[in-house]
Amino acid sequence: MKKAVVVFIALILGINSFGQSSSNKELENNIDGLFESYSYYNRFIGNVLISKDNHIIYQKSFGYADIAGNKKNT
């Protein structure tokens, strides 16, 4: 009986952690979509870094560093 309870708790914790990672991916896709749309219409050119509790959540560069030379921003 004790083993069944331990297995049940492990499954619940495993499902919880999986759910959190998918929501982070969804958040990352939403942020990407926002800045990609701004970059497409030349409303934003630059770098984005979002962190929480000293952990980087999102980091990406958008636009061109040199438009004439088609050099991407890094």
PDB file of N, CA and C in Angstrom:
ATOM      1  N   MET A   1       0.819  -1.197   0.000  1.00  0.00           N
ATOM      2  CA  MET A   1       0.000   0.000   0.000  1.00  0.00           C
ATOM      3  C   MET A   1       0.862   1.260   0.000  1.00  0.00           C
ATOM      4  N   LYS A   2       1.952   1.221   0.790  1.00  0.00           N
ATOM      5  CA  LYS A   2       2.834   2.390   0.849  1.00  0.00           C
ATOM      6  C   LYS A   2       3.489   2.643  -0.503  1.00  0.00           C
ATOM      7  N   LYS A   3       3.839   1.568  -1.204  1.00  0.00           N
ATOM      8  CA  LYS A   3       4.457   1.719  -2.528  1.00  0.00           C
ATOM      9  C   LYS A   3       3.474   2.367  -3.509  1.00  0.00           C
ATOM     10  N   ALA A   4       2.217   1.995  -3.419  1.00  0.00           N
ATOM     11  CA  ALA A   4       1.209   2.562  -4.315  1.00  0.00           C
ATOM     12  C   ALA A   4       1.049   4.057  -4.070  1.00  0.00           C
ATOM     13  N   VAL A   5       1.097   4.469  -2.811  1.00  0.00           N
ATOM     14  CA  VAL A   5       0.974   5.882  -2.479  1.00  0.00           C
ATOM     15  C   VAL A   5       2.185   6.652  -3.004  1.00  0.00           C
ATOM     16  N   VAL A   6       3.370   6.080  -2.843  1.00  0.00           N
ATOM     17  CA  VAL A   6       4.590   6.733  -3.326  1.00  0.00           C
ATOM     18  C   VAL A   6       4.559   6.865  -4.848  1.00  0.00           C
ATOM     19  N   VAL A   7       4.149   5.826  -5.546  1.00  0.00           N
ATOM     20  CA  VAL A   7       4.048   5.871  -7.012  1.00  0.00           C
ATOM     21  C   VAL A   7       3.012   6.914  -7.435  1.00  0.00           C
ATOM     22  N   PHE A   8       1.894   6.966  -6.754  1.00  0.00           N
ATOM     23  CA  PHE A   8       0.850   7.942  -7.075  1.00  0.00           C
ATOM     24  C   PHE A   8       1.362   9.373  -6.904  1.00  0.00           C
ATOM     25  N   ILE A   9       2.060   9.644  -5.823  1.00  0.00           N
ATOM     26  CA  ILE A   9       2.616  10.980  -5.576  1.00  0.00           C
ATOM     27  C   ILE A   9       3.660  11.330  -6.628  1.00  0.00           C
ATOM     28  N   ALA A  10       4.497  10.364  -6.996  1.00  0.00           N
ATOM     29  CA  ALA A  10       5.508  10.612  -8.031  1.00  0.00           C
ATOM     30  C   ALA A  10       4.857  10.954  -9.366  1.00  0.00           C
ATOM     31  N   LEU A  11       3.773  10.255  -9.702  1.00  0.00           N
ATOM     32  CA  LEU A  11       3.069  10.557 -10.949  1.00  0.00           C
ATOM     33  C   LEU A  11       2.453  11.952 -10.930  1.00  0.00           C
ATOM     34  N   ILE A  12       1.861  12.328  -9.824  1.00  0.00           N
ATOM     35  CA  ILE A  12       1.253  13.659  -9.700  1.00  0.00           C
ATOM     36  C   ILE A  12       2.319  14.738  -9.838  1.00  0.00           C
ATOM     37  N   LEU A  13       3.452  14.569  -9.182  1.00  0.00           N
ATOM     38  CA  LEU A  13       4.532  15.566  -9.286  1.00  0.00           C
ATOM     39  C   LEU A  13       5.109  15.619 -10.693  1.00  0.00           C
ATOM     40  N   GLY A  14       5.204  14.483 -11.346  1.00  0.00           N
ATOM     41  CA  GLY A  14       5.711  14.443 -12.718  1.00  0.00           C
ATOM     42  C   GLY A  14       4.800  15.163 -13.684  1.00  0.00           C
ATOM     43  N   ILE A  15       3.499  14.980 -13.538  1.00  0.00           N
ATOM     44  CA  ILE A  15       2.534  15.659 -14.406  1.00  0.00           C
ATOM     45  C   ILE A  15       2.573  17.161 -14.161  1.00  0.00           C
ATOM     46  N   ASN A  16       2.722  17.571 -12.921  1.00  0.00           N
ATOM     47  CA  ASN A  16       2.794  18.987 -12.578  1.00  0.00           C
ATOM     48  C   ASN A  16       3.989  19.657 -13.235  1.00  0.00           C
ATOM     49  N   SER A  17       5.142  19.034 -13.184  1.00  0.00           N
ATOM     50  CA  SER A  17       6.338  19.645 -13.761  1.00  0.00           C
ATOM     51  C   SER A  17       6.248  19.689 -15.277  1.00  0.00           C
ATOM     52  N   PHE A  18       5.633  18.695 -15.897  1.00  0.00           N
ATOM     53  CA  PHE A  18       5.461  18.714 -17.344  1.00  0.00           C
ATOM     54  C   PHE A  18       4.544  19.854 -17.759  1.00  0.00           C
ATOM     55  N   GLY A  19       3.499  20.095 -17.009  1.00  0.00           N
ATOM     56  CA  GLY A  19       2.570  21.177 -17.317  1.00  0.00           C
ATOM     57  C   GLY A  19       3.227  22.529 -17.257  1.00  0.00           C
ATOM     58  N   GLN A  20       4.150  22.726 -16.346  1.00  0.00           N
ATOM     59  CA  GLN A  20       4.830  24.005 -16.228  1.00  0.00           C
ATOM     60  C   GLN A  20       5.745  24.242 -17.415  1.00  0.00           C
ATOM     61  N   SER A  21       6.423  23.229 -17.900  1.00  0.00           N
ATOM     62  CA  SER A  21       7.334  23.431 -19.015  1.00  0.00           C
ATOM     63  C   SER A  21       6.580  23.778 -20.290  1.00  0.00           C
ATOM     64  N   SER A  22       5.389  23.198 -20.500  1.00  0.00           N
ATOM     65  CA  SER A  22       4.643  23.520 -21.708  1.00  0.00           C
ATOM     66  C   SER A  22       4.118  24.956 -21.657  1.00  0.00           C
ATOM     67  N   SER A  23       3.760  25.450 -20.461  1.00  0.00           N
ATOM     68  CA  SER A  23       3.285  26.822 -20.379  1.00  0.00           C
ATOM     69  C   SER A  23       4.424  27.804 -20.637  1.00  0.00           C
ATOM     70  N   ASN A  24       5.652  27.442 -20.241  1.00  0.00           N
ATOM     71  CA  ASN A  24       6.801  28.286 -20.553  1.00  0.00           C
ATOM     72  C   ASN A  24       7.031  28.333 -22.056  1.00  0.00           C
ATOM     73  N   LYS A  25       6.829  27.219 -22.733  1.00  0.00           N
ATOM     74  CA  LYS A  25       6.994  27.188 -24.189  1.00  0.00           C
ATOM     75  C   LYS A  25       5.911  28.044 -24.846  1.00  0.00           C
ATOM     76  N   GLU A  26       4.718  27.981 -24.311  1.00  0.00           N
ATOM     77  CA  GLU A  26       3.624  28.795 -24.843  1.00  0.00           C
ATOM     78  C   GLU A  26       3.911  30.280 -24.638  1.00  0.00           C
ATOM     79  N   LEU A  27       4.435  30.631 -23.469  1.00  0.00           N
ATOM     80  CA  LEU A  27       4.801  32.016 -23.189  1.00  0.00           C
ATOM     81  C   LEU A  27       5.900  32.473 -24.145  1.00  0.00           C
ATOM     82  N   GLU A  28       6.891  31.616 -24.363  1.00  0.00           N
ATOM     83  CA  GLU A  28       7.982  31.951 -25.283  1.00  0.00           C
ATOM     84  C   GLU A  28       7.455  32.167 -26.696  1.00  0.00           C
ATOM     85  N   ASN A  29       6.529  31.335 -27.145  1.00  0.00           N
ATOM     86  CA  ASN A  29       5.941  31.506 -28.479  1.00  0.00           C
ATOM     87  C   ASN A  29       5.152  32.800 -28.582  1.00  0.00           C
ATOM     88  N   ASN A  30       4.444  33.177 -27.526  1.00  0.00           N
ATOM     89  CA  ASN A  30       3.693  34.429 -27.535  1.00  0.00           C
ATOM     90  C   ASN A  30       4.628  35.641 -27.598  1.00  0.00           C
ATOM     91  N   ILE A  31       5.700  35.601 -26.830  1.00  0.00           N
ATOM     92  CA  ILE A  31       6.677  36.695 -26.851  1.00  0.00           C
ATOM     93  C   ILE A  31       7.331  36.773 -28.217  1.00  0.00           C
ATOM     94  N   ASP A  32       7.691  35.615 -28.774  1.00  0.00           N
ATOM     95  CA  ASP A  32       8.275  35.573 -30.121  1.00  0.00           C
ATOM     96  C   ASP A  32       7.352  36.220 -31.141  1.00  0.00           C
ATOM     97  N   GLY A  33       6.090  35.846 -31.107  1.00  0.00           N
ATOM     98  CA  GLY A  33       5.126  36.387 -32.060  1.00  0.00           C
ATOM     99  C   GLY A  33       5.005  37.896 -31.960  1.00  0.00           C
ATOM    100  N   LEU A  34       4.996  38.404 -30.744  1.00  0.00           N
ATOM    101  CA  LEU A  34       4.874  39.844 -30.536  1.00  0.00           C
ATOM    102  C   LEU A  34       6.062  40.593 -31.132  1.00  0.00           C
ATOM    103  N   PHE A  35       7.273  40.184 -30.752  1.00  0.00           N
ATOM    104  CA  PHE A  35       8.453  40.903 -31.226  1.00  0.00           C
ATOM    105  C   PHE A  35       8.746  40.648 -32.697  1.00  0.00           C
ATOM    106  N   GLU A  36       8.391  39.468 -33.205  1.00  0.00           N
ATOM    107  CA  GLU A  36       8.567  39.210 -34.640  1.00  0.00           C
ATOM    108  C   GLU A  36       7.668  40.142 -35.456  1.00  0.00           C
ATOM    109  N   SER A  37       6.452  40.373 -34.983  1.00  0.00           N
ATOM    110  CA  SER A  37       5.553  41.271 -35.717  1.00  0.00           C
ATOM    111  C   SER A  37       6.068  42.705 -35.686  1.00  0.00           C
ATOM    112  N   TYR A  38       6.567  43.138 -34.527  1.00  0.00           N
ATOM    113  CA  TYR A  38       7.155  44.476 -34.457  1.00  0.00           C
ATOM    114  C   TYR A  38       8.378  44.582 -35.362  1.00  0.00           C
ATOM    115  N   SER A  39       9.206  43.567 -35.365  1.00  0.00           N
ATOM    116  CA  SER A  39      10.419  43.575 -36.181  1.00  0.00           C
ATOM    117  C   SER A  39      10.076  43.565 -37.672  1.00  0.00           C
ATOM    118  N   TYR A  40       9.046  42.828 -38.048  1.00  0.00           N
ATOM    119  CA  TYR A  40       8.641  42.733 -39.451  1.00  0.00           C
ATOM    120  C   TYR A  40       8.289  44.105 -40.020  1.00  0.00           C
ATOM    121  N   TYR A  41       7.628  44.925 -39.229  1.00  0.00           N
ATOM    122  CA  TYR A  41       7.231  46.261 -39.673  1.00  0.00           C
ATOM    123  C   TYR A  41       8.227  47.337 -39.252  1.00  0.00           C
ATOM    124  N   ASN A  42       9.456  46.927 -38.890  1.00  0.00           N
ATOM    125  CA  ASN A  42      10.539  47.829 -38.474  1.00  0.00           C
ATOM    126  C   ASN A  42      10.132  48.736 -37.317  1.00  0.00           C
ATOM    127  N   ARG A  43       9.326  48.221 -36.413  1.00  0.00           N
ATOM    128  CA  ARG A  43       8.929  48.968 -35.215  1.00  0.00           C
ATOM    129  C   ARG A  43       9.849  48.664 -34.044  1.00  0.00           C
ATOM    130  N   PHE A  44      10.601  47.564 -34.153  1.00  0.00           N
ATOM    131  CA  PHE A  44      11.536  47.203 -33.096  1.00  0.00           C
ATOM    132  C   PHE A  44      12.749  46.526 -33.699  1.00  0.00           C
ATOM    133  N   ILE A  45      13.920  47.038 -33.340  1.00  0.00           N
ATOM    134  CA  ILE A  45      15.189  46.412 -33.700  1.00  0.00           C
ATOM    135  C   ILE A  45      16.027  46.416 -32.435  1.00  0.00           C
ATOM    136  N   GLY A  46      16.399  45.236 -31.988  1.00  0.00           N
ATOM    137  CA  GLY A  46      17.198  45.172 -30.765  1.00  0.00           C
ATOM    138  C   GLY A  46      17.214  43.794 -30.148  1.00  0.00           C
ATOM    139  N   ASN A  47      17.598  43.756 -28.886  1.00  0.00           N
ATOM    140  CA  ASN A  47      17.713  42.515 -28.134  1.00  0.00           C
ATOM    141  C   ASN A  47      16.717  42.518 -26.990  1.00  0.00           C
ATOM    142  N   VAL A  48      16.199  41.325 -26.675  1.00  0.00           N
ATOM    143  CA  VAL A  48      15.248  41.177 -25.574  1.00  0.00           C
ATOM    144  C   VAL A  48      15.791  40.120 -24.624  1.00  0.00           C
ATOM    145  N   LEU A  49      15.811  40.461 -23.343  1.00  0.00           N
ATOM    146  CA  LEU A  49      16.187  39.507 -22.314  1.00  0.00           C
ATOM    147  C   LEU A  49      15.190  39.657 -21.171  1.00  0.00           C
ATOM    148  N   ILE A  50      14.512  38.567 -20.841  1.00  0.00           N
ATOM    149  CA  ILE A  50      13.555  38.565 -19.742  1.00  0.00           C
ATOM    150  C   ILE A  50      14.045  37.544 -18.731  1.00  0.00           C
ATOM    151  N   SER A  51      14.156  37.989 -17.473  1.00  0.00           N
ATOM    152  CA  SER A  51      14.614  37.073 -16.424  1.00  0.00           C
ATOM    153  C   SER A  51      13.702  37.182 -15.209  1.00  0.00           C
ATOM    154  N   LYS A  52      13.721  36.120 -14.424  1.00  0.00           N
ATOM    155  CA  LYS A  52      12.960  36.095 -13.184  1.00  0.00           C
ATOM    156  C   LYS A  52      13.763  35.290 -12.167  1.00  0.00           C
ATOM    157  N   ASP A  53      13.966  35.861 -11.005  1.00  0.00           N
ATOM    158  CA  ASP A  53      14.720  35.200  -9.935  1.00  0.00           C
ATOM    159  C   ASP A  53      16.089  34.728 -10.417  1.00  0.00           C
ATOM    160  N   ASN A  54      16.807  35.585 -11.128  1.00  0.00           N
ATOM    161  CA  ASN A  54      18.156  35.313 -11.639  1.00  0.00           C
ATOM    162  C   ASN A  54      18.214  34.157 -12.632  1.00  0.00           C
ATOM    163  N   HIS A  55      17.104  33.833 -13.286  1.00  0.00           N
ATOM    164  CA  HIS A  55      17.071  32.813 -14.325  1.00  0.00           C
ATOM    165  C   HIS A  55      16.546  33.455 -15.598  1.00  0.00           C
ATOM    166  N   ILE A  56      17.230  33.224 -16.705  1.00  0.00           N
ATOM    167  CA  ILE A  56      16.797  33.779 -17.985  1.00  0.00           C
ATOM    168  C   ILE A  56      15.608  32.980 -18.487  1.00  0.00           C
ATOM    169  N   ILE A  57      14.509  33.678 -18.717  1.00  0.00           N
ATOM    170  CA  ILE A  57      13.288  33.056 -19.225  1.00  0.00           C
ATOM    171  C   ILE A  57      13.252  33.141 -20.749  1.00  0.00           C
ATOM    172  N   TYR A  58      13.701  34.274 -21.282  1.00  0.00           N
ATOM    173  CA  TYR A  58      13.624  34.505 -22.731  1.00  0.00           C
ATOM    174  C   TYR A  58      14.772  35.397 -23.154  1.00  0.00           C
ATOM    175  N   GLN A  59      15.401  35.057 -24.282  1.00  0.00           N
ATOM    176  CA  GLN A  59      16.512  35.853 -24.803  1.00  0.00           C
ATOM    177  C   GLN A  59      16.564  35.684 -26.317  1.00  0.00           C
ATOM    178  N   LYS A  60      16.479  36.799 -27.048  1.00  0.00           N
ATOM    179  CA  LYS A  60      16.522  36.732 -28.508  1.00  0.00           C
ATOM    180  C   LYS A  60      16.828  38.106 -29.091  1.00  0.00           C
ATOM    181  N   SER A  61      17.432  38.124 -30.275  1.00  0.00           N
ATOM    182  CA  SER A  61      17.733  39.357 -31.003  1.00  0.00           C
ATOM    183  C   SER A  61      16.809  39.467 -32.206  1.00  0.00           C
ATOM    184  N   PHE A  62      16.436  40.707 -32.541  1.00  0.00           N
ATOM    185  CA  PHE A  62      15.517  40.947 -33.646  1.00  0.00           C
ATOM    186  C   PHE A  62      16.074  42.037 -34.559  1.00  0.00           C
ATOM    187  N   GLY A  63      15.738  41.939 -35.832  1.00  0.00           N
ATOM    188  CA  GLY A  63      16.109  42.969 -36.792  1.00  0.00           C
ATOM    189  C   GLY A  63      17.520  42.803 -37.329  1.00  0.00           C
ATOM    190  N   TYR A  64      18.011  43.882 -37.923  1.00  0.00           N
ATOM    191  CA  TYR A  64      19.325  43.879 -38.553  1.00  0.00           C
ATOM    192  C   TYR A  64      20.251  44.873 -37.859  1.00  0.00           C
ATOM    193  N   ALA A  65      21.499  44.478 -37.689  1.00  0.00           N
ATOM    194  CA  ALA A  65      22.524  45.385 -37.180  1.00  0.00           C
ATOM    195  C   ALA A  65      22.974  46.306 -38.300  1.00  0.00           C
ATOM    196  N   ASP A  66      23.000  45.767 -39.532  1.00  0.00           N
ATOM    197  CA  ASP A  66      23.374  46.532 -40.714  1.00  0.00           C
ATOM    198  C   ASP A  66      22.365  46.200 -41.805  1.00  0.00           C
ATOM    199  N   ILE A  67      21.423  47.115 -42.020  1.00  0.00           N
ATOM    200  CA  ILE A  67      20.355  46.846 -42.993  1.00  0.00           C
ATOM    201  C   ILE A  67      20.906  46.773 -44.412  1.00  0.00           C
ATOM    202  N   ALA A  68      21.813  47.678 -44.764  1.00  0.00           N
ATOM    203  CA  ALA A  68      22.368  47.695 -46.119  1.00  0.00           C
ATOM    204  C   ALA A  68      23.162  46.421 -46.413  1.00  0.00           C
ATOM    205  N   GLY A  69      23.863  45.908 -45.411  1.00  0.00           N
ATOM    206  CA  GLY A  69      24.656  44.702 -45.579  1.00  0.00           C
ATOM    207  C   GLY A  69      23.911  43.430 -45.227  1.00  0.00           C
ATOM    208  N   ASN A  70      22.647  43.521 -44.869  1.00  0.00           N
ATOM    209  CA  ASN A  70      21.827  42.390 -44.450  1.00  0.00           C
ATOM    210  C   ASN A  70      22.485  41.556 -43.352  1.00  0.00           C
ATOM    211  N   LYS A  71      23.093  42.259 -42.388  1.00  0.00           N
ATOM    212  CA  LYS A  71      23.737  41.575 -41.266  1.00  0.00           C
ATOM    213  C   LYS A  71      22.742  41.529 -40.110  1.00  0.00           C
ATOM    214  N   LYS A  72      22.396  40.306 -39.663  1.00  0.00           N
ATOM    215  CA  LYS A  72      21.419  40.121 -38.576  1.00  0.00           C
ATOM    216  C   LYS A  72      21.958  40.646 -37.255  1.00  0.00           C
ATOM    217  N   ASN A  73      21.070  41.127 -36.424  1.00  0.00           N
ATOM    218  CA  ASN A  73      21.404  41.577 -35.079  1.00  0.00           C
ATOM    219  C   ASN A  73      21.646  40.361 -34.196  1.00  0.00           C
ATOM    220  N   THR A  74      22.739  40.414 -33.427  1.00  0.00           N
ATOM    221  CA  THR A  74      23.052  39.299 -32.508  1.00  0.00           C
ATOM    222  C   THR A  74      23.283  39.815 -31.114  1.00  0.00           C
TER     223      THR A  74
END
